[in-house]
Amino acid sequence: MSRRGAILLSFDVEEFDLPMEYGQEISTEAQLETGKKGLDAIMPFLSNPAVPATLFTTAFFATHFPGEMKALAATHEIASHTFHHSSFCNSDLLASRIALEGITGTEVRGLRMPRMQKVDVAEVLKAGYSYDSSINPTIIPGRYNNRHLPRTIYGERGLLRIPASVSPVLRLPLFWLGFKNYPYALFRQLAIQTLKKDGYLCLYFHPWEFTDLQRYRLPAYIKRYNGDALVKRLTRLTKDLAPHGRFMTTQQYLESLPINSSTR
């Protein structure tokens, strides 16, 4: 692994069901269309061989765009975002992995739950996954309080848990909403600080963020920096982070780690 550390850039590739959380109906077709438009919008990142990413993808989305997902699997890691974004049962873990492997022709090792919801480790292992990235080790009001959980990679009953990055000490979340709402200079500073401290940086976004969200009745903190403005903002971040680390998929990073008791 590069001594500069690893930058784990990931996207939750999914149907855009977020308006339903705010009482706004959106058809399944529109959810898929917006998700696909977002995927097209981030192609400048996904087409750059120097910036491999992990695409945590719902099987439902992948079954509607199998050609695109198979092509992306040639240069990026495809991981599971379960089967549907709006509903979940334990059987979806295995069904999603099997479907994604069938579509992409690649092995699916990782999982991220929609909305970072809790998942039974035993069920994840039974479904054949080796790592899970469903933890944001901070407080998000109305969502979760995970300040008691480890801030960096750890093992739980044989499963590797890779939390989303938060800053040292204060645990300021470096996730998609932070990127939209922190001053850019602050986010960049925190990201570089965290990368140097932890040896890696785990950032995640959603393709639909990179579409025009203004017509939806969503909170301003969600719609801030959407569409082309967000594309430019993330392009700037990848350029600013490049001197400080090497972009890797999550699985590439895990394979670079020494196998020891601290991560098992």
C-alpha atoms as a PDB file:
ATOM      1  CA  MET A   1       0.000   0.000   0.000  1.00  0.00           C
ATOM      2  CA  SER A   2       1.195   3.521  -0.731  1.00  0.00           C
ATOM      3  CA  ARG A   3       2.757   5.220   2.268  1.00  0.00           C
ATOM      4  CA  ARG A   4       0.606   8.232   1.415  1.00  0.00           C
ATOM      5  CA  GLY A   5      -2.460   6.318   2.507  1.00  0.00           C
ATOM      6  CA  ALA A   6      -5.586   5.171   0.689  1.00  0.00           C
ATOM      7  CA  ILE A   7      -8.569   7.212  -0.497  1.00  0.00           C
ATOM      8  CA  LEU A   8     -11.662   5.023  -0.660  1.00  0.00           C
ATOM      9  CA  LEU A   9     -14.162   6.844  -2.847  1.00  0.00           C
ATOM     10  CA  SER A  10     -17.557   5.160  -3.015  1.00  0.00           C
ATOM     11  CA  PHE A  11     -20.990   5.800  -4.486  1.00  0.00           C
ATOM     12  CA  ASP A  12     -24.280   4.264  -3.385  1.00  0.00           C
ATOM     13  CA  VAL A  13     -25.794   3.415  -6.776  1.00  0.00           C
ATOM     14  CA  GLU A  14     -29.520   3.203  -6.214  1.00  0.00           C
ATOM     15  CA  GLU A  15     -33.014   4.155  -7.238  1.00  0.00           C
ATOM     16  CA  PHE A  16     -33.814   7.720  -6.134  1.00  0.00           C
ATOM     17  CA  ASP A  17     -36.498   7.133  -3.505  1.00  0.00           C
ATOM     18  CA  LEU A  18     -35.503  10.002  -1.192  1.00  0.00           C
ATOM     19  CA  PRO A  19     -38.555  12.206  -1.982  1.00  0.00           C
ATOM     20  CA  MET A  20     -40.778   9.525  -0.452  1.00  0.00           C
ATOM     21  CA  GLU A  21     -39.154  10.198   2.940  1.00  0.00           C
ATOM     22  CA  TYR A  22     -40.553  13.722   2.700  1.00  0.00           C
ATOM     23  CA  GLY A  23     -44.082  12.796   1.606  1.00  0.00           C
ATOM     24  CA  GLN A  24     -43.557  13.279  -2.107  1.00  0.00           C
ATOM     25  CA  GLU A  25     -44.602  10.527  -4.486  1.00  0.00           C
ATOM     26  CA  ILE A  26     -42.161   9.479  -7.165  1.00  0.00           C
ATOM     27  CA  SER A  27     -42.719   6.607  -9.567  1.00  0.00           C
ATOM     28  CA  THR A  28     -40.361   3.659  -9.788  1.00  0.00           C
ATOM     29  CA  GLU A  29     -39.546   4.683 -13.338  1.00  0.00           C
ATOM     30  CA  ALA A  30     -38.597   8.185 -12.210  1.00  0.00           C
ATOM     31  CA  GLN A  31     -36.504   6.786  -9.365  1.00  0.00           C
ATOM     32  CA  LEU A  32     -34.526   4.661 -11.795  1.00  0.00           C
ATOM     33  CA  GLU A  33     -34.260   7.449 -14.364  1.00  0.00           C
ATOM     34  CA  THR A  34     -32.819   9.883 -11.827  1.00  0.00           C
ATOM     35  CA  GLY A  35     -30.383   7.269 -10.541  1.00  0.00           C
ATOM     36  CA  LYS A  36     -29.204   6.600 -14.105  1.00  0.00           C
ATOM     37  CA  LYS A  37     -28.847  10.320 -14.880  1.00  0.00           C
ATOM     38  CA  GLY A  38     -26.692  10.628 -11.802  1.00  0.00           C
ATOM     39  CA  LEU A  39     -24.538   7.696 -12.881  1.00  0.00           C
ATOM     40  CA  ASP A  40     -24.043   9.388 -16.254  1.00  0.00           C
ATOM     41  CA  ALA A  41     -23.136  12.643 -14.492  1.00  0.00           C
ATOM     42  CA  ILE A  42     -20.303  11.067 -12.494  1.00  0.00           C
ATOM     43  CA  MET A  43     -18.738   9.365 -15.505  1.00  0.00           C
ATOM     44  CA  PRO A  44     -15.879  11.938 -15.487  1.00  0.00           C
ATOM     45  CA  PHE A  45     -14.771  10.297 -12.224  1.00  0.00           C
ATOM     46  CA  LEU A  46     -15.620   6.747 -13.185  1.00  0.00           C
ATOM     47  CA  SER A  47     -13.789   7.064 -16.525  1.00  0.00           C
ATOM     48  CA  ASN A  48     -10.550   8.131 -14.839  1.00  0.00           C
ATOM     49  CA  PRO A  49      -8.335   5.048 -14.350  1.00  0.00           C
ATOM     50  CA  ALA A  50      -6.444   6.862 -11.580  1.00  0.00           C
ATOM     51  CA  VAL A  51      -9.617   7.068  -9.472  1.00  0.00           C
ATOM     52  CA  PRO A  52     -11.028   3.559  -8.972  1.00  0.00           C
ATOM     53  CA  ALA A  53     -14.122   3.545  -6.789  1.00  0.00           C
ATOM     54  CA  THR A  54     -16.449   1.145  -5.019  1.00  0.00           C
ATOM     55  CA  LEU A  55     -20.026   1.170  -6.312  1.00  0.00           C
ATOM     56  CA  PHE A  56     -22.412  -0.116  -3.642  1.00  0.00           C
ATOM     57  CA  THR A  57     -25.298  -1.013  -5.945  1.00  0.00           C
ATOM     58  CA  THR A  58     -28.834  -2.236  -5.372  1.00  0.00           C
ATOM     59  CA  ALA A  59     -29.596  -5.340  -7.361  1.00  0.00           C
ATOM     60  CA  PHE A  60     -32.846  -3.721  -8.484  1.00  0.00           C
ATOM     61  CA  PHE A  61     -30.923  -0.871 -10.137  1.00  0.00           C
ATOM     62  CA  ALA A  62     -28.387  -3.250 -11.662  1.00  0.00           C
ATOM     63  CA  THR A  63     -31.061  -5.460 -13.211  1.00  0.00           C
ATOM     64  CA  HIS A  64     -32.399  -2.413 -15.059  1.00  0.00           C
ATOM     65  CA  PHE A  65     -28.985  -1.285 -16.308  1.00  0.00           C
ATOM     66  CA  PRO A  66     -26.970  -4.514 -16.602  1.00  0.00           C
ATOM     67  CA  GLY A  67     -24.781  -3.389 -19.509  1.00  0.00           C
ATOM     68  CA  GLU A  68     -23.640  -0.270 -17.699  1.00  0.00           C
ATOM     69  CA  MET A  69     -22.887  -2.133 -14.476  1.00  0.00           C
ATOM     70  CA  LYS A  70     -20.956  -4.878 -16.258  1.00  0.00           C
ATOM     71  CA  ALA A  71     -18.846  -2.254 -18.048  1.00  0.00           C
ATOM     72  CA  LEU A  72     -18.144  -0.391 -14.799  1.00  0.00           C
ATOM     73  CA  ALA A  73     -17.107  -3.636 -13.108  1.00  0.00           C
ATOM     74  CA  ALA A  74     -14.098  -3.804 -15.427  1.00  0.00           C
ATOM     75  CA  THR A  75     -12.390  -0.934 -13.582  1.00  0.00           C
ATOM     76  CA  HIS A  76     -14.337  -0.473 -10.345  1.00  0.00           C
ATOM     77  CA  GLU A  77     -15.440  -2.659  -7.467  1.00  0.00           C
ATOM     78  CA  ILE A  78     -19.100  -3.602  -7.446  1.00  0.00           C
ATOM     79  CA  ALA A  79     -20.457  -4.189  -3.952  1.00  0.00           C
ATOM     80  CA  SER A  80     -23.963  -4.716  -2.606  1.00  0.00           C
ATOM     81  CA  HIS A  81     -26.455  -2.083  -1.450  1.00  0.00           C
ATOM     82  CA  THR A  82     -28.954  -4.933  -0.859  1.00  0.00           C
ATOM     83  CA  PHE A  83     -31.768  -5.625  -3.343  1.00  0.00           C
ATOM     84  CA  HIS A  84     -34.124  -2.643  -3.053  1.00  0.00           C
ATOM     85  CA  HIS A  85     -33.383   0.696  -1.457  1.00  0.00           C
ATOM     86  CA  SER A  86     -36.821   1.165   0.123  1.00  0.00           C
ATOM     87  CA  SER A  87     -37.321  -2.261   1.670  1.00  0.00           C
ATOM     88  CA  PHE A  88     -35.195  -4.968   3.251  1.00  0.00           C
ATOM     89  CA  CYS A  89     -35.322  -8.495   4.611  1.00  0.00           C
ATOM     90  CA  ASN A  90     -32.392 -10.735   5.472  1.00  0.00           C
ATOM     91  CA  SER A  91     -32.858 -12.895   2.369  1.00  0.00           C
ATOM     92  CA  ASP A  92     -32.069  -9.799   0.266  1.00  0.00           C
ATOM     93  CA  LEU A  93     -28.427 -10.043   1.350  1.00  0.00           C
ATOM     94  CA  LEU A  94     -27.783 -13.271  -0.515  1.00  0.00           C
ATOM     95  CA  ALA A  95     -30.179 -12.493  -3.357  1.00  0.00           C
ATOM     96  CA  SER A  96     -28.449  -9.187  -4.016  1.00  0.00           C
ATOM     97  CA  ARG A  97     -24.971 -10.688  -4.028  1.00  0.00           C
ATOM     98  CA  ILE A  98     -25.983 -13.460  -6.412  1.00  0.00           C
ATOM     99  CA  ALA A  99     -27.748 -11.043  -8.766  1.00  0.00           C
ATOM    100  CA  LEU A 100     -24.840  -8.585  -8.868  1.00  0.00           C
ATOM    101  CA  GLU A 101     -22.305 -11.340  -9.473  1.00  0.00           C
ATOM    102  CA  GLY A 102     -24.431 -12.710 -12.281  1.00  0.00           C
ATOM    103  CA  ILE A 103     -24.733  -9.311 -13.962  1.00  0.00           C
ATOM    104  CA  THR A 104     -21.131  -8.169 -13.584  1.00  0.00           C
ATOM    105  CA  GLY A 105     -19.225 -11.448 -13.702  1.00  0.00           C
ATOM    106  CA  THR A 106     -17.194 -10.315 -10.683  1.00  0.00           C
ATOM    107  CA  GLU A 107     -17.083 -11.449  -7.076  1.00  0.00           C
ATOM    108  CA  VAL A 108     -19.048  -9.269  -4.649  1.00  0.00           C
ATOM    109  CA  ARG A 109     -17.330  -9.074  -1.281  1.00  0.00           C
ATOM    110  CA  GLY A 110     -18.722  -5.932   0.355  1.00  0.00           C
ATOM    111  CA  LEU A 111     -22.016  -4.613   1.690  1.00  0.00           C
ATOM    112  CA  ARG A 112     -23.413  -1.233   2.597  1.00  0.00           C
ATOM    113  CA  MET A 113     -26.935  -1.060   3.951  1.00  0.00           C
ATOM    114  CA  PRO A 114     -29.325   1.596   2.639  1.00  0.00           C
ATOM    115  CA  ARG A 115     -29.394   4.602   4.967  1.00  0.00           C
ATOM    116  CA  MET A 116     -26.598   2.974   6.981  1.00  0.00           C
ATOM    117  CA  GLN A 117     -29.182   0.941   8.873  1.00  0.00           C
ATOM    118  CA  LYS A 118     -28.104  -1.742  11.318  1.00  0.00           C
ATOM    119  CA  VAL A 119     -27.637  -5.268  10.046  1.00  0.00           C
ATOM    120  CA  ASP A 120     -27.110  -8.613  11.765  1.00  0.00           C
ATOM    121  CA  VAL A 121     -23.437  -9.592  11.387  1.00  0.00           C
ATOM    122  CA  ALA A 122     -24.317 -13.291  11.388  1.00  0.00           C
ATOM    123  CA  GLU A 123     -26.697 -12.758   8.456  1.00  0.00           C
ATOM    124  CA  VAL A 124     -24.084 -10.779   6.527  1.00  0.00           C
ATOM    125  CA  LEU A 125     -21.517 -13.552   6.961  1.00  0.00           C
ATOM    126  CA  LYS A 126     -24.065 -16.232   6.084  1.00  0.00           C
ATOM    127  CA  ALA A 127     -24.799 -14.399   2.832  1.00  0.00           C
ATOM    128  CA  GLY A 128     -21.124 -14.623   1.859  1.00  0.00           C
ATOM    129  CA  TYR A 129     -19.790 -11.113   2.452  1.00  0.00           C
ATOM    130  CA  SER A 130     -16.368 -10.425   3.947  1.00  0.00           C
ATOM    131  CA  TYR A 131     -16.775  -6.752   4.808  1.00  0.00           C
ATOM    132  CA  ASP A 132     -19.468  -4.247   5.694  1.00  0.00           C
ATOM    133  CA  SER A 133     -19.355  -0.452   5.354  1.00  0.00           C
ATOM    134  CA  SER A 134     -22.689   0.438   6.965  1.00  0.00           C
ATOM    135  CA  ILE A 135     -21.464   2.453   9.930  1.00  0.00           C
ATOM    136  CA  ASN A 136     -21.163   6.210  10.327  1.00  0.00           C
ATOM    137  CA  PRO A 137     -19.437   6.482  13.736  1.00  0.00           C
ATOM    138  CA  THR A 138     -20.954   9.801  14.740  1.00  0.00           C
ATOM    139  CA  ILE A 139     -24.300  11.327  15.713  1.00  0.00           C
ATOM    140  CA  ILE A 140     -26.812  12.149  12.981  1.00  0.00           C
ATOM    141  CA  PRO A 141     -29.956  13.514  14.689  1.00  0.00           C
ATOM    142  CA  GLY A 142     -32.993  11.441  13.837  1.00  0.00           C
ATOM    143  CA  ARG A 143     -30.877   8.688  12.275  1.00  0.00           C
ATOM    144  CA  TYR A 144     -28.340   7.160  14.626  1.00  0.00           C
ATOM    145  CA  ASN A 145     -25.924   7.683  17.485  1.00  0.00           C
ATOM    146  CA  ASN A 146     -22.790   5.681  16.781  1.00  0.00           C
ATOM    147  CA  ARG A 147     -20.200   7.644  18.741  1.00  0.00           C
ATOM    148  CA  HIS A 148     -19.553   4.566  20.880  1.00  0.00           C
ATOM    149  CA  LEU A 149     -18.380   2.536  17.872  1.00  0.00           C
ATOM    150  CA  PRO A 150     -14.771   2.454  16.632  1.00  0.00           C
ATOM    151  CA  ARG A 151     -13.862   5.312  14.335  1.00  0.00           C
ATOM    152  CA  THR A 152     -11.657   3.198  12.066  1.00  0.00           C
ATOM    153  CA  ILE A 153     -11.680  -0.291  10.576  1.00  0.00           C
ATOM    154  CA  TYR A 154     -12.293  -3.132  13.027  1.00  0.00           C
ATOM    155  CA  GLY A 155     -13.397  -6.731  13.136  1.00  0.00           C
ATOM    156  CA  GLU A 156     -16.642  -8.082  14.537  1.00  0.00           C
ATOM    157  CA  ARG A 157     -17.212 -11.821  14.767  1.00  0.00           C
ATOM    158  CA  GLY A 158     -15.134 -12.437  11.647  1.00  0.00           C
ATOM    159  CA  LEU A 159     -16.597  -9.587   9.598  1.00  0.00           C
ATOM    160  CA  LEU A 160     -14.525  -6.519   8.744  1.00  0.00           C
ATOM    161  CA  ARG A 161     -16.352  -3.270   9.449  1.00  0.00           C
ATOM    162  CA  ILE A 162     -15.173  -0.200   7.513  1.00  0.00           C
ATOM    163  CA  PRO A 163     -16.849   2.901   8.985  1.00  0.00           C
ATOM    164  CA  ALA A 164     -17.367   6.027   6.945  1.00  0.00           C
ATOM    165  CA  SER A 165     -14.658   8.513   7.857  1.00  0.00           C
ATOM    166  CA  VAL A 166     -15.173  11.068  10.589  1.00  0.00           C
ATOM    167  CA  SER A 167     -12.628  13.568  11.829  1.00  0.00           C
ATOM    168  CA  PRO A 168     -10.390  12.721  14.801  1.00  0.00           C
ATOM    169  CA  VAL A 169     -11.556  13.852  18.262  1.00  0.00           C
ATOM    170  CA  LEU A 170     -14.769  15.701  17.316  1.00  0.00           C
ATOM    171  CA  ARG A 171     -15.967  13.004  14.903  1.00  0.00           C
ATOM    172  CA  LEU A 172     -17.314  15.477  12.362  1.00  0.00           C
ATOM    173  CA  PRO A 173     -18.843  13.300   9.621  1.00  0.00           C
ATOM    174  CA  LEU A 174     -17.100  13.440   6.261  1.00  0.00           C
ATOM    175  CA  PHE A 175     -20.039  12.063   4.329  1.00  0.00           C
ATOM    176  CA  TRP A 176     -22.125  13.409   1.470  1.00  0.00           C
ATOM    177  CA  LEU A 177     -24.098  15.951   3.521  1.00  0.00           C
ATOM    178  CA  GLY A 178     -20.930  17.249   5.122  1.00  0.00           C
ATOM    179  CA  PHE A 179     -19.405  17.734   1.679  1.00  0.00           C
ATOM    180  CA  LYS A 180     -22.443  19.737   0.581  1.00  0.00           C
ATOM    181  CA  ASN A 181     -22.735  21.932   3.656  1.00  0.00           C
ATOM    182  CA  TYR A 182     -19.295  22.474   5.185  1.00  0.00           C
ATOM    183  CA  PRO A 183     -17.199  25.282   3.709  1.00  0.00           C
ATOM    184  CA  TYR A 184     -15.068  23.592   1.055  1.00  0.00           C
ATOM    185  CA  ALA A 185     -11.777  24.578   2.704  1.00  0.00           C
ATOM    186  CA  LEU A 186     -12.913  23.047   6.014  1.00  0.00           C
ATOM    187  CA  PHE A 187     -13.985  19.763   4.423  1.00  0.00           C
ATOM    188  CA  ARG A 188     -10.687  19.507   2.528  1.00  0.00           C
ATOM    189  CA  GLN A 189      -8.699  20.231   5.685  1.00  0.00           C
ATOM    190  CA  LEU A 190     -10.616  17.645   7.719  1.00  0.00           C
ATOM    191  CA  ALA A 191     -10.308  15.053   4.956  1.00  0.00           C
ATOM    192  CA  ILE A 192      -6.530  15.465   4.686  1.00  0.00           C
ATOM    193  CA  GLN A 193      -6.168  15.483   8.479  1.00  0.00           C
ATOM    194  CA  THR A 194      -8.190  12.272   8.762  1.00  0.00           C
ATOM    195  CA  LEU A 195      -6.287  10.603   5.928  1.00  0.00           C
ATOM    196  CA  LYS A 196      -2.951  11.336   7.581  1.00  0.00           C
ATOM    197  CA  LYS A 197      -4.192  10.228  11.003  1.00  0.00           C
ATOM    198  CA  ASP A 198      -5.917   7.001   9.963  1.00  0.00           C
ATOM    199  CA  GLY A 199      -3.934   5.986   6.892  1.00  0.00           C
ATOM    200  CA  TYR A 200      -7.096   5.894   4.806  1.00  0.00           C
ATOM    201  CA  LEU A 201     -10.155   7.987   4.025  1.00  0.00           C
ATOM    202  CA  CYS A 202     -13.611   6.499   3.386  1.00  0.00           C
ATOM    203  CA  LEU A 203     -15.947   8.917   1.584  1.00  0.00           C
ATOM    204  CA  TYR A 204     -19.360   8.153   0.123  1.00  0.00           C
ATOM    205  CA  PHE A 205     -21.833   9.894  -2.173  1.00  0.00           C
ATOM    206  CA  HIS A 206     -24.887   9.065  -4.301  1.00  0.00           C
ATOM    207  CA  PRO A 207     -25.082   9.488  -8.086  1.00  0.00           C
ATOM    208  CA  TRP A 208     -28.509  11.165  -7.830  1.00  0.00           C
ATOM    209  CA  GLU A 209     -26.882  14.059  -5.925  1.00  0.00           C
ATOM    210  CA  PHE A 210     -25.221  15.038  -9.193  1.00  0.00           C
ATOM    211  CA  THR A 211     -28.553  15.683 -10.918  1.00  0.00           C
ATOM    212  CA  ASP A 212     -30.786  18.760 -10.688  1.00  0.00           C
ATOM    213  CA  LEU A 213     -32.796  18.332  -7.470  1.00  0.00           C
ATOM    214  CA  GLN A 214     -34.464  21.734  -7.394  1.00  0.00           C
ATOM    215  CA  ARG A 215     -37.898  20.491  -8.480  1.00  0.00           C
ATOM    216  CA  TYR A 216     -38.191  18.166  -5.492  1.00  0.00           C
ATOM    217  CA  ARG A 217     -39.539  19.263  -2.114  1.00  0.00           C
ATOM    218  CA  LEU A 218     -36.420  18.398  -0.170  1.00  0.00           C
ATOM    219  CA  PRO A 219     -34.618  20.270   2.619  1.00  0.00           C
ATOM    220  CA  ALA A 220     -32.192  22.941   1.461  1.00  0.00           C
ATOM    221  CA  TYR A 221     -29.269  21.123   3.062  1.00  0.00           C
ATOM    222  CA  ILE A 222     -29.879  18.201   0.681  1.00  0.00           C
ATOM    223  CA  LYS A 223     -30.330  20.276  -2.480  1.00  0.00           C
ATOM    224  CA  ARG A 224     -27.322  22.495  -1.839  1.00  0.00           C
ATOM    225  CA  TYR A 225     -24.561  21.869  -4.386  1.00  0.00           C
ATOM    226  CA  ASN A 226     -26.403  19.476  -6.664  1.00  0.00           C
ATOM    227  CA  GLY A 227     -26.039  18.872 -10.388  1.00  0.00           C
ATOM    228  CA  ASP A 228     -23.097  20.415 -12.254  1.00  0.00           C
ATOM    229  CA  ALA A 229     -22.041  22.486  -9.238  1.00  0.00           C
ATOM    230  CA  LEU A 230     -21.502  19.302  -7.229  1.00  0.00           C
ATOM    231  CA  VAL A 231     -19.638  17.657 -10.116  1.00  0.00           C
ATOM    232  CA  LYS A 232     -17.205  20.594 -10.107  1.00  0.00           C
ATOM    233  CA  ARG A 233     -16.891  20.479  -6.318  1.00  0.00           C
ATOM    234  CA  LEU A 234     -16.025  16.761  -6.292  1.00  0.00           C
ATOM    235  CA  THR A 235     -13.640  17.188  -9.214  1.00  0.00           C
ATOM    236  CA  ARG A 236     -11.833  19.821  -7.189  1.00  0.00           C
ATOM    237  CA  LEU A 237     -11.709  17.555  -4.138  1.00  0.00           C
ATOM    238  CA  THR A 238     -10.237  14.602  -6.020  1.00  0.00           C
ATOM    239  CA  LYS A 239      -7.501  16.844  -7.418  1.00  0.00           C
ATOM    240  CA  ASP A 240      -6.779  18.318  -3.982  1.00  0.00           C
ATOM    241  CA  LEU A 241      -6.624  14.900  -2.311  1.00  0.00           C
ATOM    242  CA  ALA A 242      -4.496  13.189  -4.976  1.00  0.00           C
ATOM    243  CA  PRO A 243      -1.123  14.458  -3.637  1.00  0.00           C
ATOM    244  CA  HIS A 244      -1.966  13.062  -0.195  1.00  0.00           C
ATOM    245  CA  GLY A 245      -3.086   9.545  -1.038  1.00  0.00           C
ATOM    246  CA  ARG A 246      -3.774   6.865  -3.590  1.00  0.00           C
ATOM    247  CA  PHE A 247      -7.312   6.178  -4.772  1.00  0.00           C
ATOM    248  CA  MET A 248      -8.238   2.525  -4.223  1.00  0.00           C
ATOM    249  CA  THR A 249     -11.354   0.388  -4.141  1.00  0.00           C
ATOM    250  CA  THR A 250     -12.363  -0.831  -0.716  1.00  0.00           C
ATOM    251  CA  GLN A 251     -11.391  -4.408  -1.544  1.00  0.00           C
ATOM    252  CA  GLN A 252      -7.999  -3.321  -2.892  1.00  0.00           C
ATOM    253  CA  TYR A 253      -7.351  -1.526   0.382  1.00  0.00           C
ATOM    254  CA  LEU A 254      -8.367  -4.527   2.487  1.00  0.00           C
ATOM    255  CA  GLU A 255      -6.117  -6.817   0.459  1.00  0.00           C
ATOM    256  CA  SER A 256      -3.223  -4.447   1.136  1.00  0.00           C
ATOM    257  CA  LEU A 257      -3.602  -4.719   4.909  1.00  0.00           C
ATOM    258  CA  PRO A 258      -1.555  -7.137   7.003  1.00  0.00           C
ATOM    259  CA  ILE A 259      -3.762  -9.819   8.486  1.00  0.00           C
ATOM    260  CA  ASN A 260      -3.652  -9.359  12.241  1.00  0.00           C
ATOM    261  CA  SER A 261      -5.871  -9.447  15.285  1.00  0.00           C
ATOM    262  CA  SER A 262      -6.615  -5.727  15.126  1.00  0.00           C
ATOM    263  CA  THR A 263      -8.719  -6.126  11.993  1.00  0.00           C
ATOM    264  CA  ARG A 264     -10.149  -9.573  12.572  1.00  0.00           C
END
